[in-house]
């Protein structure tokens, strides 16, 4: 890609597409997580839900969806599967009966201890320095913010 122009000489060249690099890296990242998450009997999306709940147990379904950037059509089946696994339970908010809240079960809380090693294992798998991962995360967050508007 030439620095003088924001577009490559051939704008349809796959190797020059940022979107393809992000897509490929995201797929590779999820595949790399798979062996660690299989030990927890979680899929990657379920792991994301559990991470939010380990941080904010009792969160509303609405806030969970906002934090994960997922709509209710995607989130509901995910939560049902986690409920069937005995990791979470869904209930009504005591402040507002219309709101659904999520709570970790004892099994869901216990799973947190098993999951503690996953971030370090994934850090080692990337082969990147901490500063590189921080910069990559910041760029991805910035790109998401820009595109989500």
Protein backbone atom coordinates (compact mmCIF):
# COMPACT_ATOMS: atom_id res chain seq x y z
CA UNK A 1 0.00 0.00 0.00
CA UNK A 2 1.40 3.42 -0.96
CA UNK A 3 1.55 6.02 1.80
CA UNK A 4 0.64 8.84 -0.60
CA UNK A 5 -2.81 7.37 -1.23
CA UNK A 6 -5.20 5.78 1.30
CA UNK A 7 -6.05 3.09 -1.26
CA UNK A 8 -3.75 0.52 -2.81
CA UNK A 9 -3.04 0.58 -6.52
CA UNK A 10 -5.58 -2.22 -6.94
CA UNK A 11 -8.35 -1.49 -4.38
CA UNK A 12 -9.80 -5.00 -4.82
CA UNK A 13 -6.56 -6.85 -4.01
CA UNK A 14 -7.41 -9.20 -1.11
CA UNK A 15 -3.93 -9.01 0.43
CA UNK A 16 -4.26 -5.23 0.83
CA UNK A 17 -7.61 -5.35 2.67
CA UNK A 18 -7.56 -4.42 6.37
CA UNK A 19 -10.97 -6.06 6.74
CA UNK A 20 -9.58 -9.40 5.55
CA UNK A 21 -6.64 -9.20 7.96
CA UNK A 22 -9.03 -8.46 10.85
CA UNK A 23 -11.38 -11.24 9.78
CA UNK A 24 -8.54 -13.75 9.47
CA UNK A 25 -6.96 -12.71 12.78
CA UNK A 26 -10.33 -12.89 14.59
CA UNK A 27 -10.99 -16.38 13.23
CA UNK A 28 -7.48 -17.52 14.19
CA UNK A 29 -7.91 -16.05 17.68
CA UNK A 30 -11.18 -17.90 18.27
CA UNK A 31 -9.61 -21.15 16.98
CA UNK A 32 -6.62 -20.63 19.32
CA UNK A 33 -8.99 -20.22 22.29
CA UNK A 34 -10.84 -23.46 21.45
CA UNK A 35 -8.59 -26.01 23.26
CA UNK A 36 -8.53 -23.92 26.44
CA UNK A 37 -12.28 -23.32 26.39
CA UNK A 38 -13.05 -26.98 25.64
CA UNK A 39 -11.53 -27.76 29.05
CA UNK A 40 -14.11 -25.36 30.53
CA UNK A 41 -16.84 -26.78 28.24
CA UNK A 42 -17.51 -23.29 26.87
CA UNK A 43 -17.71 -21.84 23.39
CA UNK A 44 -15.99 -18.51 22.79
CA UNK A 45 -19.26 -16.49 22.94
CA UNK A 46 -20.20 -18.30 26.18
CA UNK A 47 -16.76 -17.46 27.58
CA UNK A 48 -17.36 -13.77 26.80
CA UNK A 49 -20.69 -13.88 28.69
CA UNK A 50 -19.03 -15.60 31.63
CA UNK A 51 -16.22 -13.02 31.74
CA UNK A 52 -18.77 -10.22 32.03
CA UNK A 53 -20.67 -12.10 34.75
CA UNK A 54 -17.49 -12.87 36.71
CA UNK A 55 -16.91 -9.12 36.73
CA UNK A 56 -20.52 -7.96 37.15
CA UNK A 57 -22.67 -10.73 38.63
CA UNK A 58 -26.33 -9.71 38.63
CA UNK A 59 -26.07 -7.61 35.45
CA UNK A 60 -29.22 -7.08 33.42
CA UNK A 61 -29.56 -8.92 30.12
CA UNK A 62 -29.88 -5.54 28.40
CA UNK A 63 -26.58 -4.24 29.82
CA UNK A 64 -24.86 -7.54 29.03
CA UNK A 65 -25.95 -7.24 25.40
CA UNK A 66 -24.67 -3.67 25.25
CA UNK A 67 -21.32 -4.61 26.73
CA UNK A 68 -20.87 -7.56 24.34
CA UNK A 69 -22.31 -5.67 21.34
CA UNK A 70 -24.89 -8.45 20.86
CA UNK A 71 -28.61 -8.18 20.15
CA UNK A 72 -31.17 -10.15 22.14
CA UNK A 73 -31.70 -12.59 19.25
CA UNK A 74 -28.07 -13.68 19.57
CA UNK A 75 -27.84 -13.38 23.34
CA UNK A 76 -30.98 -15.29 24.34
CA UNK A 77 -29.94 -18.70 22.92
CA UNK A 78 -26.47 -18.22 24.42
CA UNK A 79 -27.94 -17.56 27.86
CA UNK A 80 -30.32 -20.51 27.57
CA UNK A 81 -27.37 -22.84 26.86
CA UNK A 82 -25.43 -21.44 29.84
CA UNK A 83 -28.54 -21.93 31.97
CA UNK A 84 -28.88 -25.55 30.79
CA UNK A 85 -25.22 -26.11 31.74
CA UNK A 86 -26.09 -24.90 35.24
CA UNK A 87 -23.72 -21.92 35.11
CA UNK A 88 -26.20 -19.02 35.20
CA UNK A 89 -29.79 -18.39 36.16
CA UNK A 90 -32.06 -15.72 34.76
CA UNK A 91 -34.53 -13.93 36.93
CA UNK A 92 -36.56 -10.76 37.25
CA UNK A 93 -35.05 -7.59 38.68
CA UNK A 94 -36.32 -6.70 42.14
CA UNK A 95 -36.25 -3.00 41.17
CA UNK A 96 -38.10 -3.45 37.86
CA UNK A 97 -40.08 -6.64 37.10
CA UNK A 98 -39.73 -6.00 33.35
CA UNK A 99 -35.93 -6.31 33.53
CA UNK A 100 -34.18 -9.68 33.31
CA UNK A 101 -31.07 -10.17 35.43
CA UNK A 102 -28.40 -12.82 35.29
CA UNK A 103 -26.74 -14.43 38.26
CA UNK A 104 -23.94 -16.95 38.43
CA UNK A 105 -24.72 -20.27 40.04
CA UNK A 106 -22.17 -21.88 42.37
CA UNK A 107 -20.90 -23.88 39.39
CA UNK A 108 -20.59 -20.67 37.36
CA UNK A 109 -18.61 -19.00 40.13
CA UNK A 110 -16.38 -22.07 40.55
CA UNK A 111 -15.62 -22.11 36.82
CA UNK A 112 -13.94 -18.71 37.25
CA UNK A 113 -11.01 -20.35 39.04
CA UNK A 114 -10.48 -22.79 36.17
CA UNK A 115 -10.67 -19.93 33.65
CA UNK A 116 -8.00 -17.84 35.38
CA UNK A 117 -5.20 -19.46 33.34
CA UNK A 118 -6.79 -18.82 29.93
CA UNK A 119 -5.67 -15.17 29.42
CA UNK A 120 -2.01 -15.98 30.17
CA UNK A 121 -2.11 -19.05 27.92
CA UNK A 122 -3.55 -16.94 25.10
CA UNK A 123 -1.01 -14.18 25.70
CA UNK A 124 1.77 -16.75 25.26
CA UNK A 125 0.10 -18.10 22.08
CA UNK A 126 0.09 -14.67 20.42
CA UNK A 127 3.86 -14.23 20.61
CA UNK A 128 3.31 -10.47 20.85
CA UNK A 129 4.77 -8.15 23.46
CA UNK A 130 2.36 -6.66 26.03
CA UNK A 131 2.75 -3.19 24.47
CA UNK A 132 1.90 -4.59 21.03
CA UNK A 133 -1.25 -6.28 22.37
CA UNK A 134 -2.28 -3.09 24.17
CA UNK A 135 -1.83 -1.07 20.99
CA UNK A 136 -3.70 -3.67 18.93
CA UNK A 137 -6.60 -3.63 21.39
CA UNK A 138 -6.72 0.18 21.36
CA UNK A 139 -6.76 0.26 17.56
CA UNK A 140 -9.51 -2.38 17.39
CA UNK A 141 -11.58 -0.48 19.98
CA UNK A 142 -11.07 2.77 18.07
CA UNK A 143 -12.07 1.10 14.80
CA UNK A 144 -15.17 -0.43 16.42
CA UNK A 145 -16.21 2.97 17.82
CA UNK A 146 -15.77 4.62 14.44
CA UNK A 147 -17.68 1.95 12.52
CA UNK A 148 -20.46 1.52 15.11
CA UNK A 149 -21.56 5.16 14.78
